[in-house]
């Protein structure tokens, strides 16, 4: 049988289309891999800065690019000085600190909680339009709070499609509301923001001095009359309070004593959990949390004062679970303020 041989020349095949196809496949594989990497990266890492406004006594961690506005607003025949510090995005969370003044502290005429009630009512009216036009704020009381001896409360707050938490505190001269709102839950970011708010320690005024100051003949009308909550105030803000006269008869409350670094004094000091976002960002280092410990040794307030922002919320949660032996002063248990330091090592993976 005769066999036939056909010579094959390279010119018979054009290899360029095959090479082009291989390049396209390779590029598609790289793009797909990159897409997977991007989806796994943390999306909620914010660029924070410490805000210490001039003329205010507070400091707070706020996302960079926050705005500020001030105005004078009428409220129950008074005029309130308002300052609002807000960071918000159309589809993202709202961070805000609302500062109000104009209702003087006057325990001889009305209690501190009655003063806070009035401020809360004013806050509801003034703040809602700043984040959602024509929306009405709804507040639900969670419980009482204190921050460095300054009385306050915690509320659940909803404004339109936004929901979150508001912490309110009253100093001698001003009222502050720290607000976090979002269309979805993000407890880590909320805790990180709310716990970063810092006020100076309250200085107690003896009742006799408060009475004498209230009796001055040149006291203004705003000082002489307590501000009454408006008709739209929530029922949970209209609690029965002791009269001003009864308040002046109470003994002076002893201010907390300073305890310095409290790590070695704890009888129980749970370790903080390492947040997933912090692990992905390879965050590490020391976080300092300032705490107030009550007469029974329980932590009643905690807020981070330094450390990586992604680690602060976890440190605050751990600090609130710490327990201490009661501290005695002249045989009586007293509150103690101090700091707890948590060291977060660099994540292994």
C-alpha atoms as a PDB file:
ATOM      1  CA  UNK A   1       0.000   0.000   0.000  1.00  0.00           C
ATOM      2  CA  UNK A   2       1.341   3.357  -0.976  1.00  0.00           C
ATOM      3  CA  UNK A   3       1.394   5.929   1.718  1.00  0.00           C
ATOM      4  CA  UNK A   4       1.076   9.600   1.090  1.00  0.00           C
ATOM      5  CA  UNK A   5       2.883  12.296   3.021  1.00  0.00           C
ATOM      6  CA  UNK A   6       1.659  15.815   3.041  1.00  0.00           C
ATOM      7  CA  UNK A   7       4.139  18.445   4.202  1.00  0.00           C
ATOM      8  CA  UNK A   8       2.774  20.783   6.870  1.00  0.00           C
ATOM      9  CA  UNK A   9       4.016  24.298   6.853  1.00  0.00           C
ATOM     10  CA  UNK A  10       3.648  26.719   9.757  1.00  0.00           C
ATOM     11  CA  UNK A  11       2.046  29.140   7.377  1.00  0.00           C
ATOM     12  CA  UNK A  12      -0.975  26.859   7.229  1.00  0.00           C
ATOM     13  CA  UNK A  13      -1.958  27.779  10.858  1.00  0.00           C
ATOM     14  CA  UNK A  14      -2.328  31.268  12.301  1.00  0.00           C
ATOM     15  CA  UNK A  15      -1.414  31.043  16.015  1.00  0.00           C
ATOM     16  CA  UNK A  16      -2.305  34.647  16.823  1.00  0.00           C
ATOM     17  CA  UNK A  17      -6.040  34.032  17.544  1.00  0.00           C
ATOM     18  CA  UNK A  18      -5.125  31.218  19.948  1.00  0.00           C
ATOM     19  CA  UNK A  19      -2.639  33.415  21.774  1.00  0.00           C
ATOM     20  CA  UNK A  20      -5.188  36.218  22.039  1.00  0.00           C
ATOM     21  CA  UNK A  21      -7.755  33.809  23.484  1.00  0.00           C
ATOM     22  CA  UNK A  22      -5.296  32.639  26.155  1.00  0.00           C
ATOM     23  CA  UNK A  23      -4.556  36.250  27.133  1.00  0.00           C
ATOM     24  CA  UNK A  24      -8.272  36.999  27.489  1.00  0.00           C
ATOM     25  CA  UNK A  25      -8.794  33.918  29.695  1.00  0.00           C
ATOM     26  CA  UNK A  26      -5.853  34.881  31.888  1.00  0.00           C
ATOM     27  CA  UNK A  27      -7.115  38.447  32.319  1.00  0.00           C
ATOM     28  CA  UNK A  28     -10.596  37.201  33.213  1.00  0.00           C
ATOM     29  CA  UNK A  29      -9.149  34.871  35.883  1.00  0.00           C
ATOM     30  CA  UNK A  30      -7.117  37.704  37.450  1.00  0.00           C
ATOM     31  CA  UNK A  31     -10.124  40.037  37.455  1.00  0.00           C
ATOM     32  CA  UNK A  32     -12.289  37.384  39.087  1.00  0.00           C
ATOM     33  CA  UNK A  33      -9.701  36.748  41.779  1.00  0.00           C
ATOM     34  CA  UNK A  34      -9.361  40.472  42.407  1.00  0.00           C
ATOM     35  CA  UNK A  35     -13.137  40.781  42.715  1.00  0.00           C
ATOM     36  CA  UNK A  36     -13.161  38.095  45.408  1.00  0.00           C
ATOM     37  CA  UNK A  37     -10.398  39.893  47.317  1.00  0.00           C
ATOM     38  CA  UNK A  38     -12.265  43.205  47.148  1.00  0.00           C
ATOM     39  CA  UNK A  39     -15.496  41.663  48.404  1.00  0.00           C
ATOM     40  CA  UNK A  40     -13.700  40.207  51.417  1.00  0.00           C
ATOM     41  CA  UNK A  41     -12.119  43.517  52.435  1.00  0.00           C
ATOM     42  CA  UNK A  42     -13.790  45.376  55.310  1.00  0.00           C
ATOM     43  CA  UNK A  43     -16.182  48.043  54.028  1.00  0.00           C
ATOM     44  CA  UNK A  44     -17.008  49.880  57.257  1.00  0.00           C
ATOM     45  CA  UNK A  45     -13.575  51.209  58.191  1.00  0.00           C
ATOM     46  CA  UNK A  46     -14.009  54.957  58.689  1.00  0.00           C
ATOM     47  CA  UNK A  47     -11.384  57.658  58.834  1.00  0.00           C
ATOM     48  CA  UNK A  48     -11.783  59.040  62.361  1.00  0.00           C
ATOM     49  CA  UNK A  49     -10.577  62.222  63.998  1.00  0.00           C
ATOM     50  CA  UNK A  50     -10.828  63.518  67.556  1.00  0.00           C
ATOM     51  CA  UNK A  51     -13.188  66.498  67.765  1.00  0.00           C
ATOM     52  CA  UNK A  52     -12.577  69.040  70.544  1.00  0.00           C
ATOM     53  CA  UNK A  53     -14.583  72.129  69.538  1.00  0.00           C
ATOM     54  CA  UNK A  54     -13.562  75.516  70.874  1.00  0.00           C
ATOM     55  CA  UNK A  55     -15.981  76.725  73.531  1.00  0.00           C
ATOM     56  CA  UNK A  56     -17.081  73.187  74.413  1.00  0.00           C
ATOM     57  CA  UNK A  57     -15.929  70.864  77.202  1.00  0.00           C
ATOM     58  CA  UNK A  58     -16.340  67.538  75.381  1.00  0.00           C
ATOM     59  CA  UNK A  59     -14.230  65.462  73.033  1.00  0.00           C
ATOM     60  CA  UNK A  60     -15.447  62.712  70.708  1.00  0.00           C
ATOM     61  CA  UNK A  61     -14.275  60.518  67.838  1.00  0.00           C
ATOM     62  CA  UNK A  62     -16.016  61.727  64.685  1.00  0.00           C
ATOM     63  CA  UNK A  63     -15.620  60.628  61.040  1.00  0.00           C
ATOM     64  CA  UNK A  64     -13.574  63.198  59.151  1.00  0.00           C
ATOM     65  CA  UNK A  65     -15.519  65.796  57.196  1.00  0.00           C
ATOM     66  CA  UNK A  66     -18.181  66.521  59.826  1.00  0.00           C
ATOM     67  CA  UNK A  67     -20.138  69.777  59.611  1.00  0.00           C
ATOM     68  CA  UNK A  68     -20.965  72.370  62.269  1.00  0.00           C
ATOM     69  CA  UNK A  69     -23.803  74.830  62.607  1.00  0.00           C
ATOM     70  CA  UNK A  70     -25.024  77.082  65.408  1.00  0.00           C
ATOM     71  CA  UNK A  71     -28.214  79.045  65.953  1.00  0.00           C
ATOM     72  CA  UNK A  72     -30.533  80.548  68.543  1.00  0.00           C
ATOM     73  CA  UNK A  73     -33.896  78.789  68.785  1.00  0.00           C
ATOM     74  CA  UNK A  74     -37.052  79.817  70.696  1.00  0.00           C
ATOM     75  CA  UNK A  75     -38.302  77.331  73.267  1.00  0.00           C
ATOM     76  CA  UNK A  76     -41.074  77.980  75.840  1.00  0.00           C
ATOM     77  CA  UNK A  77     -40.503  81.756  76.026  1.00  0.00           C
ATOM     78  CA  UNK A  78     -36.767  81.157  76.245  1.00  0.00           C
ATOM     79  CA  UNK A  79     -33.974  81.212  73.712  1.00  0.00           C
ATOM     80  CA  UNK A  80     -31.680  78.224  73.439  1.00  0.00           C
ATOM     81  CA  UNK A  81     -28.176  78.407  72.031  1.00  0.00           C
ATOM     82  CA  UNK A  82     -27.769  75.375  69.761  1.00  0.00           C
ATOM     83  CA  UNK A  83     -24.640  73.853  68.268  1.00  0.00           C
ATOM     84  CA  UNK A  84     -24.754  70.737  66.112  1.00  0.00           C
ATOM     85  CA  UNK A  85     -21.817  68.653  64.931  1.00  0.00           C
ATOM     86  CA  UNK A  86     -22.978  66.152  62.299  1.00  0.00           C
ATOM     87  CA  UNK A  87     -21.412  63.579  59.984  1.00  0.00           C
ATOM     88  CA  UNK A  88     -23.863  61.891  57.624  1.00  0.00           C
ATOM     89  CA  UNK A  89     -24.088  60.241  54.216  1.00  0.00           C
ATOM     90  CA  UNK A  90     -27.156  59.695  52.014  1.00  0.00           C
ATOM     91  CA  UNK A  91     -27.053  55.919  52.479  1.00  0.00           C
ATOM     92  CA  UNK A  92     -24.783  55.636  55.498  1.00  0.00           C
ATOM     93  CA  UNK A  93     -24.859  56.212  59.248  1.00  0.00           C
ATOM     94  CA  UNK A  94     -25.461  59.533  61.004  1.00  0.00           C
ATOM     95  CA  UNK A  95     -23.085  60.615  63.769  1.00  0.00           C
ATOM     96  CA  UNK A  96     -24.043  63.729  65.723  1.00  0.00           C
ATOM     97  CA  UNK A  97     -23.379  65.696  68.895  1.00  0.00           C
ATOM     98  CA  UNK A  98     -26.046  68.269  69.783  1.00  0.00           C
ATOM     99  CA  UNK A  99     -25.062  70.937  72.310  1.00  0.00           C
ATOM    100  CA  UNK A 100     -27.776  73.113  73.924  1.00  0.00           C
ATOM    101  CA  UNK A 101     -27.702  75.825  76.580  1.00  0.00           C
ATOM    102  CA  UNK A 102     -30.177  78.308  78.031  1.00  0.00           C
ATOM    103  CA  UNK A 103     -31.861  76.376  80.858  1.00  0.00           C
ATOM    104  CA  UNK A 104     -29.808  77.132  83.948  1.00  0.00           C
ATOM    105  CA  UNK A 105     -29.165  74.522  86.636  1.00  0.00           C
ATOM    106  CA  UNK A 106     -31.220  75.588  89.664  1.00  0.00           C
ATOM    107  CA  UNK A 107     -31.898  72.822  92.224  1.00  0.00           C
ATOM    108  CA  UNK A 108     -33.726  75.273  94.498  1.00  0.00           C
ATOM    109  CA  UNK A 109     -36.536  75.611  91.943  1.00  0.00           C
ATOM    110  CA  UNK A 110     -36.504  72.382  89.917  1.00  0.00           C
ATOM    111  CA  UNK A 111     -34.666  69.085  89.885  1.00  0.00           C
ATOM    112  CA  UNK A 112     -31.876  68.183  87.516  1.00  0.00           C
ATOM    113  CA  UNK A 113     -34.055  65.541  85.870  1.00  0.00           C
ATOM    114  CA  UNK A 114     -36.787  68.105  85.213  1.00  0.00           C
ATOM    115  CA  UNK A 115     -34.144  70.250  83.538  1.00  0.00           C
ATOM    116  CA  UNK A 116     -33.011  67.267  81.451  1.00  0.00           C
ATOM    117  CA  UNK A 117     -36.643  66.531  80.503  1.00  0.00           C
ATOM    118  CA  UNK A 118     -36.976  70.017  79.059  1.00  0.00           C
ATOM    119  CA  UNK A 119     -33.730  69.739  77.147  1.00  0.00           C
ATOM    120  CA  UNK A 120     -34.744  66.333  75.757  1.00  0.00           C
ATOM    121  CA  UNK A 121     -38.000  67.821  74.509  1.00  0.00           C
ATOM    122  CA  UNK A 122     -36.110  70.678  72.818  1.00  0.00           C
ATOM    123  CA  UNK A 123     -33.636  68.229  71.302  1.00  0.00           C
ATOM    124  CA  UNK A 124     -36.469  66.170  69.752  1.00  0.00           C
ATOM    125  CA  UNK A 125     -37.947  69.253  68.131  1.00  0.00           C
ATOM    126  CA  UNK A 126     -34.687  70.749  66.836  1.00  0.00           C
ATOM    127  CA  UNK A 127     -32.702  67.717  65.716  1.00  0.00           C
ATOM    128  CA  UNK A 128     -35.123  65.651  63.599  1.00  0.00           C
ATOM    129  CA  UNK A 129     -35.340  68.127  60.667  1.00  0.00           C
ATOM    130  CA  UNK A 130     -31.550  68.153  60.413  1.00  0.00           C
ATOM    131  CA  UNK A 131     -31.452  64.501  59.303  1.00  0.00           C
ATOM    132  CA  UNK A 132     -34.885  63.856  57.762  1.00  0.00           C
ATOM    133  CA  UNK A 133     -37.062  66.713  56.548  1.00  0.00           C
ATOM    134  CA  UNK A 134     -40.627  66.673  57.937  1.00  0.00           C
ATOM    135  CA  UNK A 135     -39.812  63.614  60.077  1.00  0.00           C
ATOM    136  CA  UNK A 136     -40.718  63.360  63.769  1.00  0.00           C
ATOM    137  CA  UNK A 137     -38.293  61.965  66.340  1.00  0.00           C
ATOM    138  CA  UNK A 138     -39.501  59.120  68.542  1.00  0.00           C
ATOM    139  CA  UNK A 139     -37.671  58.477  71.811  1.00  0.00           C
ATOM    140  CA  UNK A 140     -37.943  55.383  74.004  1.00  0.00           C
ATOM    141  CA  UNK A 141     -36.223  55.492  77.388  1.00  0.00           C
ATOM    142  CA  UNK A 142     -33.705  52.692  77.986  1.00  0.00           C
ATOM    143  CA  UNK A 143     -32.370  53.770  81.373  1.00  0.00           C
ATOM    144  CA  UNK A 144     -30.493  56.292  83.477  1.00  0.00           C
ATOM    145  CA  UNK A 145     -26.808  56.980  82.830  1.00  0.00           C
ATOM    146  CA  UNK A 146     -23.984  59.020  84.321  1.00  0.00           C
ATOM    147  CA  UNK A 147     -20.744  60.186  82.751  1.00  0.00           C
ATOM    148  CA  UNK A 148     -18.068  61.502  85.082  1.00  0.00           C
ATOM    149  CA  UNK A 149     -20.798  62.310  87.590  1.00  0.00           C
ATOM    150  CA  UNK A 150     -22.915  64.182  85.025  1.00  0.00           C
ATOM    151  CA  UNK A 151     -26.519  62.879  85.055  1.00  0.00           C
ATOM    152  CA  UNK A 152     -28.122  61.596  81.888  1.00  0.00           C
ATOM    153  CA  UNK A 153     -30.142  58.962  80.123  1.00  0.00           C
ATOM    154  CA  UNK A 154     -30.008  56.496  77.239  1.00  0.00           C
ATOM    155  CA  UNK A 155     -32.758  56.495  74.604  1.00  0.00           C
ATOM    156  CA  UNK A 156     -33.624  54.492  71.544  1.00  0.00           C
ATOM    157  CA  UNK A 157     -34.229  56.995  68.766  1.00  0.00           C
ATOM    158  CA  UNK A 158     -35.988  56.693  65.409  1.00  0.00           C
ATOM    159  CA  UNK A 159     -36.339  59.420  62.774  1.00  0.00           C
ATOM    160  CA  UNK A 160     -37.998  58.270  59.562  1.00  0.00           C
ATOM    161  CA  UNK A 161     -36.077  55.273  58.191  1.00  0.00           C
ATOM    162  CA  UNK A 162     -33.202  55.836  60.616  1.00  0.00           C
ATOM    163  CA  UNK A 163     -32.916  54.077  63.972  1.00  0.00           C
ATOM    164  CA  UNK A 164     -30.276  54.052  66.660  1.00  0.00           C
ATOM    165  CA  UNK A 165     -29.307  55.340  70.100  1.00  0.00           C
ATOM    166  CA  UNK A 166     -29.018  58.709  71.824  1.00  0.00           C
ATOM    167  CA  UNK A 167     -27.097  59.323  75.052  1.00  0.00           C
ATOM    168  CA  UNK A 168     -27.960  62.587  76.805  1.00  0.00           C
ATOM    169  CA  UNK A 169     -26.058  64.319  79.611  1.00  0.00           C
ATOM    170  CA  UNK A 170     -26.406  67.619  81.426  1.00  0.00           C
ATOM    171  CA  UNK A 171     -23.507  69.629  82.810  1.00  0.00           C
ATOM    172  CA  UNK A 172     -23.985  72.745  84.927  1.00  0.00           C
ATOM    173  CA  UNK A 173     -23.986  74.973  81.822  1.00  0.00           C
ATOM    174  CA  UNK A 174     -24.911  72.787  78.838  1.00  0.00           C
ATOM    175  CA  UNK A 175     -26.864  69.763  77.615  1.00  0.00           C
ATOM    176  CA  UNK A 176     -25.342  67.215  75.227  1.00  0.00           C
ATOM    177  CA  UNK A 177     -26.984  64.547  73.095  1.00  0.00           C
ATOM    178  CA  UNK A 178     -24.716  62.043  71.347  1.00  0.00           C
ATOM    179  CA  UNK A 179     -26.579  60.336  68.508  1.00  0.00           C
ATOM    180  CA  UNK A 180     -25.895  57.368  66.240  1.00  0.00           C
ATOM    181  CA  UNK A 181     -28.490  56.521  63.560  1.00  0.00           C
ATOM    182  CA  UNK A 182     -28.428  54.106  60.647  1.00  0.00           C
ATOM    183  CA  UNK A 183     -30.741  52.249  58.281  1.00  0.00           C
ATOM    184  CA  UNK A 184     -29.173  48.975  59.415  1.00  0.00           C
ATOM    185  CA  UNK A 185     -27.603  47.657  62.597  1.00  0.00           C
ATOM    186  CA  UNK A 186     -23.875  48.099  63.164  1.00  0.00           C
ATOM    187  CA  UNK A 187     -23.350  47.711  66.892  1.00  0.00           C
ATOM    188  CA  UNK A 188     -19.544  47.835  66.704  1.00  0.00           C
ATOM    189  CA  UNK A 189     -19.463  51.254  65.005  1.00  0.00           C
ATOM    190  CA  UNK A 190     -22.262  52.534  67.267  1.00  0.00           C
ATOM    191  CA  UNK A 191     -20.428  51.473  70.421  1.00  0.00           C
ATOM    192  CA  UNK A 192     -17.156  52.871  69.125  1.00  0.00           C
ATOM    193  CA  UNK A 193     -18.701  56.296  68.548  1.00  0.00           C
ATOM    194  CA  UNK A 194     -20.893  56.582  71.646  1.00  0.00           C
ATOM    195  CA  UNK A 195     -18.199  55.342  74.027  1.00  0.00           C
ATOM    196  CA  UNK A 196     -15.657  57.855  72.684  1.00  0.00           C
ATOM    197  CA  UNK A 197     -17.628  60.820  74.081  1.00  0.00           C
ATOM    198  CA  UNK A 198     -15.778  62.364  77.036  1.00  0.00           C
ATOM    199  CA  UNK A 199     -16.867  65.012  79.566  1.00  0.00           C
ATOM    200  CA  UNK A 200     -14.905  66.458  82.493  1.00  0.00           C
ATOM    201  CA  UNK A 201     -15.762  65.238  85.968  1.00  0.00           C
ATOM    202  CA  UNK A 202     -18.676  67.038  87.602  1.00  0.00           C
ATOM    203  CA  UNK A 203     -17.859  69.294  90.558  1.00  0.00           C
ATOM    204  CA  UNK A 204     -20.557  69.163  93.216  1.00  0.00           C
ATOM    205  CA  UNK A 205     -21.941  72.481  94.537  1.00  0.00           C
ATOM    206  CA  UNK A 206     -23.069  72.537  98.215  1.00  0.00           C
ATOM    207  CA  UNK A 207     -26.889  72.896  98.518  1.00  0.00           C
ATOM    208  CA  UNK A 208     -26.586  76.072 100.642  1.00  0.00           C
ATOM    209  CA  UNK A 209     -24.662  77.825  97.888  1.00  0.00           C
ATOM    210  CA  UNK A 210     -27.154  76.738  95.251  1.00  0.00           C
ATOM    211  CA  UNK A 211     -30.010  78.186  97.318  1.00  0.00           C
ATOM    212  CA  UNK A 212     -28.240  81.511  97.854  1.00  0.00           C
ATOM    213  CA  UNK A 213     -27.463  81.850  94.137  1.00  0.00           C
ATOM    214  CA  UNK A 214     -31.091  81.106  93.247  1.00  0.00           C
ATOM    215  CA  UNK A 215     -32.300  83.828  95.632  1.00  0.00           C
ATOM    216  CA  UNK A 216     -30.391  86.646  93.929  1.00  0.00           C
ATOM    217  CA  UNK A 217     -32.791  89.507  93.095  1.00  0.00           C
ATOM    218  CA  UNK A 218     -31.340  89.985  89.615  1.00  0.00           C
ATOM    219  CA  UNK A 219     -31.984  86.406  88.542  1.00  0.00           C
ATOM    220  CA  UNK A 220     -33.295  86.256  84.990  1.00  0.00           C
ATOM    221  CA  UNK A 221     -36.746  84.989  84.087  1.00  0.00           C
ATOM    222  CA  UNK A 222     -35.176  81.922  82.506  1.00  0.00           C
ATOM    223  CA  UNK A 223     -33.491  81.084  85.816  1.00  0.00           C
ATOM    224  CA  UNK A 224     -36.545  81.836  87.932  1.00  0.00           C
ATOM    225  CA  UNK A 225     -38.940  79.507  86.074  1.00  0.00           C
ATOM    226  CA  UNK A 226     -38.252  75.863  85.270  1.00  0.00           C
ATOM    227  CA  UNK A 227     -38.756  74.953  81.624  1.00  0.00           C
ATOM    228  CA  UNK A 228     -41.752  72.652  81.328  1.00  0.00           C
ATOM    229  CA  UNK A 229     -41.783  69.810  78.797  1.00  0.00           C
ATOM    230  CA  UNK A 230     -43.944  70.456  75.745  1.00  0.00           C
ATOM    231  CA  UNK A 231     -47.153  68.669  74.922  1.00  0.00           C
ATOM    232  CA  UNK A 232     -45.346  66.350  72.495  1.00  0.00           C
ATOM    233  CA  UNK A 233     -42.900  65.109  75.115  1.00  0.00           C
ATOM    234  CA  UNK A 234     -42.781  61.322  75.513  1.00  0.00           C
ATOM    235  CA  UNK A 235     -44.539  59.877  78.527  1.00  0.00           C
ATOM    236  CA  UNK A 236     -41.284  58.284  79.652  1.00  0.00           C
ATOM    237  CA  UNK A 237     -39.734  61.734  80.184  1.00  0.00           C
ATOM    238  CA  UNK A 238     -42.492  62.925  82.512  1.00  0.00           C
ATOM    239  CA  UNK A 239     -41.563  60.959  85.611  1.00  0.00           C
ATOM    240  CA  UNK A 240     -42.431  62.061  89.110  1.00  0.00           C
ATOM    241  CA  UNK A 241     -39.477  63.857  90.621  1.00  0.00           C
ATOM    242  CA  UNK A 242     -38.823  65.078  94.176  1.00  0.00           C
ATOM    243  CA  UNK A 243     -39.431  68.767  94.764  1.00  0.00           C
ATOM    244  CA  UNK A 244     -36.593  71.273  94.673  1.00  0.00           C
ATOM    245  CA  UNK A 245     -36.967  71.933  98.415  1.00  0.00           C
ATOM    246  CA  UNK A 246     -36.538  68.245  99.172  1.00  0.00           C
ATOM    247  CA  UNK A 247     -33.503  68.141  96.923  1.00  0.00           C
ATOM    248  CA  UNK A 248     -31.732  70.876  98.866  1.00  0.00           C
ATOM    249  CA  UNK A 249     -32.233  68.968 102.100  1.00  0.00           C
ATOM    250  CA  UNK A 250     -30.342  65.899 100.863  1.00  0.00           C
ATOM    251  CA  UNK A 251     -26.752  65.403 102.032  1.00  0.00           C
ATOM    252  CA  UNK A 252     -23.999  66.229  99.606  1.00  0.00           C
ATOM    253  CA  UNK A 253     -23.033  63.337  97.356  1.00  0.00           C
ATOM    254  CA  UNK A 254     -19.374  62.386  97.707  1.00  0.00           C
ATOM    255  CA  UNK A 255     -17.483  62.754  94.439  1.00  0.00           C
ATOM    256  CA  UNK A 256     -15.602  59.696  93.085  1.00  0.00           C
ATOM    257  CA  UNK A 257     -11.952  59.373  94.087  1.00  0.00           C
ATOM    258  CA  UNK A 258      -9.171  58.778  91.580  1.00  0.00           C
ATOM    259  CA  UNK A 259      -7.759  55.264  91.507  1.00  0.00           C
ATOM    260  CA  UNK A 260      -5.203  55.549  88.693  1.00  0.00           C
ATOM    261  CA  UNK A 261      -4.541  52.364  86.711  1.00  0.00           C
ATOM    262  CA  UNK A 262      -7.040  49.766  87.929  1.00  0.00           C
ATOM    263  CA  UNK A 263      -5.842  46.609  86.127  1.00  0.00           C
ATOM    264  CA  UNK A 264      -4.119  45.204  89.192  1.00  0.00           C
ATOM    265  CA  UNK A 265      -7.027  46.015  91.497  1.00  0.00           C
ATOM    266  CA  UNK A 266      -9.671  44.025  89.632  1.00  0.00           C
ATOM    267  CA  UNK A 267     -11.073  40.805  91.060  1.00  0.00           C
ATOM    268  CA  UNK A 268     -12.426  39.953  87.607  1.00  0.00           C
ATOM    269  CA  UNK A 269     -11.006  41.396  84.378  1.00  0.00           C
ATOM    270  CA  UNK A 270     -12.324  39.593  81.269  1.00  0.00           C
ATOM    271  CA  UNK A 271     -10.146  39.825  78.169  1.00  0.00           C
ATOM    272  CA  UNK A 272     -11.658  41.691  75.209  1.00  0.00           C
ATOM    273  CA  UNK A 273     -12.593  39.875  72.008  1.00  0.00           C
ATOM    274  CA  UNK A 274     -10.540  40.703  68.928  1.00  0.00           C
ATOM    275  CA  UNK A 275     -12.959  42.319  66.396  1.00  0.00           C
ATOM    276  CA  UNK A 276     -13.095  40.789  62.930  1.00  0.00           C
ATOM    277  CA  UNK A 277     -12.649  44.163  61.256  1.00  0.00           C
ATOM    278  CA  UNK A 278      -9.627  44.911  63.426  1.00  0.00           C
ATOM    279  CA  UNK A 279      -8.111  41.524  62.544  1.00  0.00           C
ATOM    280  CA  UNK A 280      -8.576  42.178  58.840  1.00  0.00           C
ATOM    281  CA  UNK A 281      -6.956  45.590  59.226  1.00  0.00           C
ATOM    282  CA  UNK A 282      -4.159  44.062  61.409  1.00  0.00           C
ATOM    283  CA  UNK A 283      -4.869  46.612  64.144  1.00  0.00           C
ATOM    284  CA  UNK A 284      -2.917  46.227  67.382  1.00  0.00           C
ATOM    285  CA  UNK A 285      -1.578  48.156  70.366  1.00  0.00           C
ATOM    286  CA  UNK A 286      -2.803  49.427  73.732  1.00  0.00           C
ATOM    287  CA  UNK A 287      -6.311  50.785  74.328  1.00  0.00           C
ATOM    288  CA  UNK A 288      -6.997  52.886  77.424  1.00  0.00           C
ATOM    289  CA  UNK A 289     -10.526  52.890  78.854  1.00  0.00           C
ATOM    290  CA  UNK A 290     -11.625  55.332  81.547  1.00  0.00           C
ATOM    291  CA  UNK A 291     -14.124  53.804  83.964  1.00  0.00           C
ATOM    292  CA  UNK A 292     -16.189  54.734  86.985  1.00  0.00           C
ATOM    293  CA  UNK A 293     -16.659  52.010  89.599  1.00  0.00           C
ATOM    294  CA  UNK A 294     -19.586  52.256  92.021  1.00  0.00           C
ATOM    295  CA  UNK A 295     -19.603  51.584  95.760  1.00  0.00           C
ATOM    296  CA  UNK A 296     -20.177  47.848  95.170  1.00  0.00           C
ATOM    297  CA  UNK A 297     -17.259  47.432  92.756  1.00  0.00           C
ATOM    298  CA  UNK A 298     -19.288  47.343  89.508  1.00  0.00           C
ATOM    299  CA  UNK A 299     -18.332  49.441  86.479  1.00  0.00           C
ATOM    300  CA  UNK A 300     -21.137  51.945  85.843  1.00  0.00           C
ATOM    301  CA  UNK A 301     -19.536  53.926  83.005  1.00  0.00           C
ATOM    302  CA  UNK A 302     -16.725  53.272  80.536  1.00  0.00           C
ATOM    303  CA  UNK A 303     -15.342  55.087  77.508  1.00  0.00           C
ATOM    304  CA  UNK A 304     -12.149  54.739  75.491  1.00  0.00           C
ATOM    305  CA  UNK A 305      -9.691  57.639  75.688  1.00  0.00           C
ATOM    306  CA  UNK A 306      -6.900  56.328  73.458  1.00  0.00           C
ATOM    307  CA  UNK A 307      -5.959  53.436  71.180  1.00  0.00           C
ATOM    308  CA  UNK A 308      -6.755  52.188  67.701  1.00  0.00           C
ATOM    309  CA  UNK A 309     -10.365  53.107  66.761  1.00  0.00           C
ATOM    310  CA  UNK A 310     -11.150  49.564  65.571  1.00  0.00           C
ATOM    311  CA  UNK A 311     -10.159  48.137  68.975  1.00  0.00           C
ATOM    312  CA  UNK A 312     -11.845  50.659  71.268  1.00  0.00           C
ATOM    313  CA  UNK A 313     -15.382  49.244  71.205  1.00  0.00           C
ATOM    314  CA  UNK A 314     -14.202  45.741  72.195  1.00  0.00           C
ATOM    315  CA  UNK A 315     -12.121  47.205  75.038  1.00  0.00           C
ATOM    316  CA  UNK A 316     -15.115  49.178  76.363  1.00  0.00           C
ATOM    317  CA  UNK A 317     -17.342  46.083  76.292  1.00  0.00           C
ATOM    318  CA  UNK A 318     -14.717  44.145  78.277  1.00  0.00           C
ATOM    319  CA  UNK A 319     -14.218  47.000  80.762  1.00  0.00           C
ATOM    320  CA  UNK A 320     -17.925  47.089  81.597  1.00  0.00           C
ATOM    321  CA  UNK A 321     -17.712  43.442  82.647  1.00  0.00           C
ATOM    322  CA  UNK A 322     -14.837  44.052  85.084  1.00  0.00           C
ATOM    323  CA  UNK A 323     -15.442  43.771  88.840  1.00  0.00           C
ATOM    324  CA  UNK A 324     -13.554  45.287  91.775  1.00  0.00           C
ATOM    325  CA  UNK A 325     -13.582  45.063  95.542  1.00  0.00           C
ATOM    326  CA  UNK A 326     -15.439  47.987  97.169  1.00  0.00           C
ATOM    327  CA  UNK A 327     -13.180  50.957  97.962  1.00  0.00           C
ATOM    328  CA  UNK A 328     -13.571  52.419 101.456  1.00  0.00           C
ATOM    329  CA  UNK A 329     -12.848  55.994 102.497  1.00  0.00           C
ATOM    330  CA  UNK A 330     -13.067  56.658 106.245  1.00  0.00           C
ATOM    331  CA  UNK A 331     -14.970  53.407 106.544  1.00  0.00           C
ATOM    332  CA  UNK A 332     -17.552  54.265 103.875  1.00  0.00           C
ATOM    333  CA  UNK A 333     -17.694  52.746 100.364  1.00  0.00           C
ATOM    334  CA  UNK A 334     -17.069  55.321  97.609  1.00  0.00           C
ATOM    335  CA  UNK A 335     -17.031  55.498  93.847  1.00  0.00           C
ATOM    336  CA  UNK A 336     -13.692  55.325  92.066  1.00  0.00           C
ATOM    337  CA  UNK A 337     -12.544  56.617  88.688  1.00  0.00           C
ATOM    338  CA  UNK A 338      -9.524  55.261  86.887  1.00  0.00           C
ATOM    339  CA  UNK A 339      -8.293  53.617  83.724  1.00  0.00           C
ATOM    340  CA  UNK A 340      -8.030  50.047  82.459  1.00  0.00           C
ATOM    341  CA  UNK A 341      -5.392  49.333  79.805  1.00  0.00           C
ATOM    342  CA  UNK A 342      -5.875  46.500  77.300  1.00  0.00           C
ATOM    343  CA  UNK A 343      -3.009  45.370  75.076  1.00  0.00           C
ATOM    344  CA  UNK A 344      -4.004  43.886  71.737  1.00  0.00           C
ATOM    345  CA  UNK A 345      -1.201  41.886  70.126  1.00  0.00           C
ATOM    346  CA  UNK A 346      -0.755  41.801  66.368  1.00  0.00           C
ATOM    347  CA  UNK A 347      -3.127  39.171  64.878  1.00  0.00           C
ATOM    348  CA  UNK A 348      -1.474  35.960  63.717  1.00  0.00           C
ATOM    349  CA  UNK A 349      -3.528  35.800  60.518  1.00  0.00           C
END
